[in-house]
Amino acid sequence: MFLYIMTLKGSFILSSDPL
């Protein structure tokens, strides 16, 4: 579950990152 959240947050950050 924790890894799932980390992955989801990481994906969200990458999607939000303009670079």
PDB file of N, CA and C in Angstrom:
ATOM      1  N   MET A   1       0.838  -1.197   0.000  1.00  0.00           N
ATOM      2  CA  MET A   1       0.000   0.000   0.000  1.00  0.00           C
ATOM      3  C   MET A   1       0.876   1.252   0.000  1.00  0.00           C
ATOM      4  N   PHE A   2       1.895   1.232   0.862  1.00  0.00           N
ATOM      5  CA  PHE A   2       2.803   2.382   0.948  1.00  0.00           C
ATOM      6  C   PHE A   2       3.495   2.628  -0.385  1.00  0.00           C
ATOM      7  N   LEU A   3       3.969   1.564  -1.015  1.00  0.00           N
ATOM      8  CA  LEU A   3       4.651   1.700  -2.305  1.00  0.00           C
ATOM      9  C   LEU A   3       3.688   2.242  -3.353  1.00  0.00           C
ATOM     10  N   TYR A   4       2.440   1.822  -3.250  1.00  0.00           N
ATOM     11  CA  TYR A   4       1.428   2.283  -4.209  1.00  0.00           C
ATOM     12  C   TYR A   4       1.247   3.792  -4.088  1.00  0.00           C
ATOM     13  N   ILE A   5       1.188   4.269  -2.846  1.00  0.00           N
ATOM     14  CA  ILE A   5       1.034   5.703  -2.599  1.00  0.00           C
ATOM     15  C   ILE A   5       2.257   6.456  -3.107  1.00  0.00           C
ATOM     16  N   MET A   6       3.440   5.932  -2.837  1.00  0.00           N
ATOM     17  CA  MET A   6       4.677   6.576  -3.269  1.00  0.00           C
ATOM     18  C   MET A   6       4.702   6.682  -4.784  1.00  0.00           C
ATOM     19  N   THR A   7       4.306   5.603  -5.454  1.00  0.00           N
ATOM     20  CA  THR A   7       4.287   5.579  -6.916  1.00  0.00           C
ATOM     21  C   THR A   7       3.277   6.576  -7.450  1.00  0.00           C
ATOM     22  N   LEU A   8       2.111   6.630  -6.796  1.00  0.00           N
ATOM     23  CA  LEU A   8       1.061   7.542  -7.229  1.00  0.00           C
ATOM     24  C   LEU A   8       1.525   8.988  -7.064  1.00  0.00           C
ATOM     25  N   LYS A   9       2.138   9.286  -5.919  1.00  0.00           N
ATOM     26  CA  LYS A   9       2.630  10.640  -5.665  1.00  0.00           C
ATOM     27  C   LYS A   9       3.758  10.977  -6.633  1.00  0.00           C
ATOM     28  N   GLY A  10       4.631  10.026  -6.896  1.00  0.00           N
ATOM     29  CA  GLY A  10       5.745  10.233  -7.817  1.00  0.00           C
ATOM     30  C   GLY A  10       5.227  10.508  -9.218  1.00  0.00           C
ATOM     31  N   SER A  11       4.197   9.771  -9.613  1.00  0.00           N
ATOM     32  CA  SER A  11       3.620   9.956 -10.937  1.00  0.00           C
ATOM     33  C   SER A  11       2.979  11.331 -11.025  1.00  0.00           C
ATOM     34  N   PHE A  12       2.316  11.732  -9.937  1.00  0.00           N
ATOM     35  CA  PHE A  12       1.647  13.033  -9.909  1.00  0.00           C
ATOM     36  C   PHE A  12       2.666  14.157 -10.027  1.00  0.00           C
ATOM     37  N   ILE A  13       3.794  14.006  -9.328  1.00  0.00           N
ATOM     38  CA  ILE A  13       4.858  15.012  -9.353  1.00  0.00           C
ATOM     39  C   ILE A  13       5.450  15.098 -10.762  1.00  0.00           C
ATOM     40  N   LEU A  14       5.696  13.932 -11.370  1.00  0.00           N
ATOM     41  CA  LEU A  14       6.283  13.915 -12.708  1.00  0.00           C
ATOM     42  C   LEU A  14       5.329  14.559 -13.709  1.00  0.00           C
ATOM     43  N   SER A  15       4.030  14.325 -13.501  1.00  0.00           N
ATOM     44  CA  SER A  15       3.029  14.886 -14.407  1.00  0.00           C
ATOM     45  C   SER A  15       2.923  16.399 -14.207  1.00  0.00           C
ATOM     46  N   SER A  16       3.155  16.837 -12.966  1.00  0.00           N
ATOM     47  CA  SER A  16       3.042  18.262 -12.665  1.00  0.00           C
ATOM     48  C   SER A  16       4.326  19.003 -13.034  1.00  0.00           C
ATOM     49  N   ASP A  17       5.418  18.244 -13.131  1.00  0.00           N
ATOM     50  CA  ASP A  17       6.709  18.866 -13.437  1.00  0.00           C
ATOM     51  C   ASP A  17       6.764  19.309 -14.900  1.00  0.00           C
ATOM     52  N   PRO A  18       6.953  20.594 -15.171  1.00  0.00           N
ATOM     53  CA  PRO A  18       6.992  21.126 -16.538  1.00  0.00           C
ATOM     54  C   PRO A  18       8.154  20.554 -17.347  1.00  0.00           C
ATOM     55  N   LEU A  19       9.193  20.097 -16.619  1.00  0.00           N
ATOM     56  CA  LEU A  19      10.344  19.542 -17.318  1.00  0.00           C
ATOM     57  C   LEU A  19      10.065  18.109 -17.721  1.00  0.00           C
TER      58      LEU A  19
END
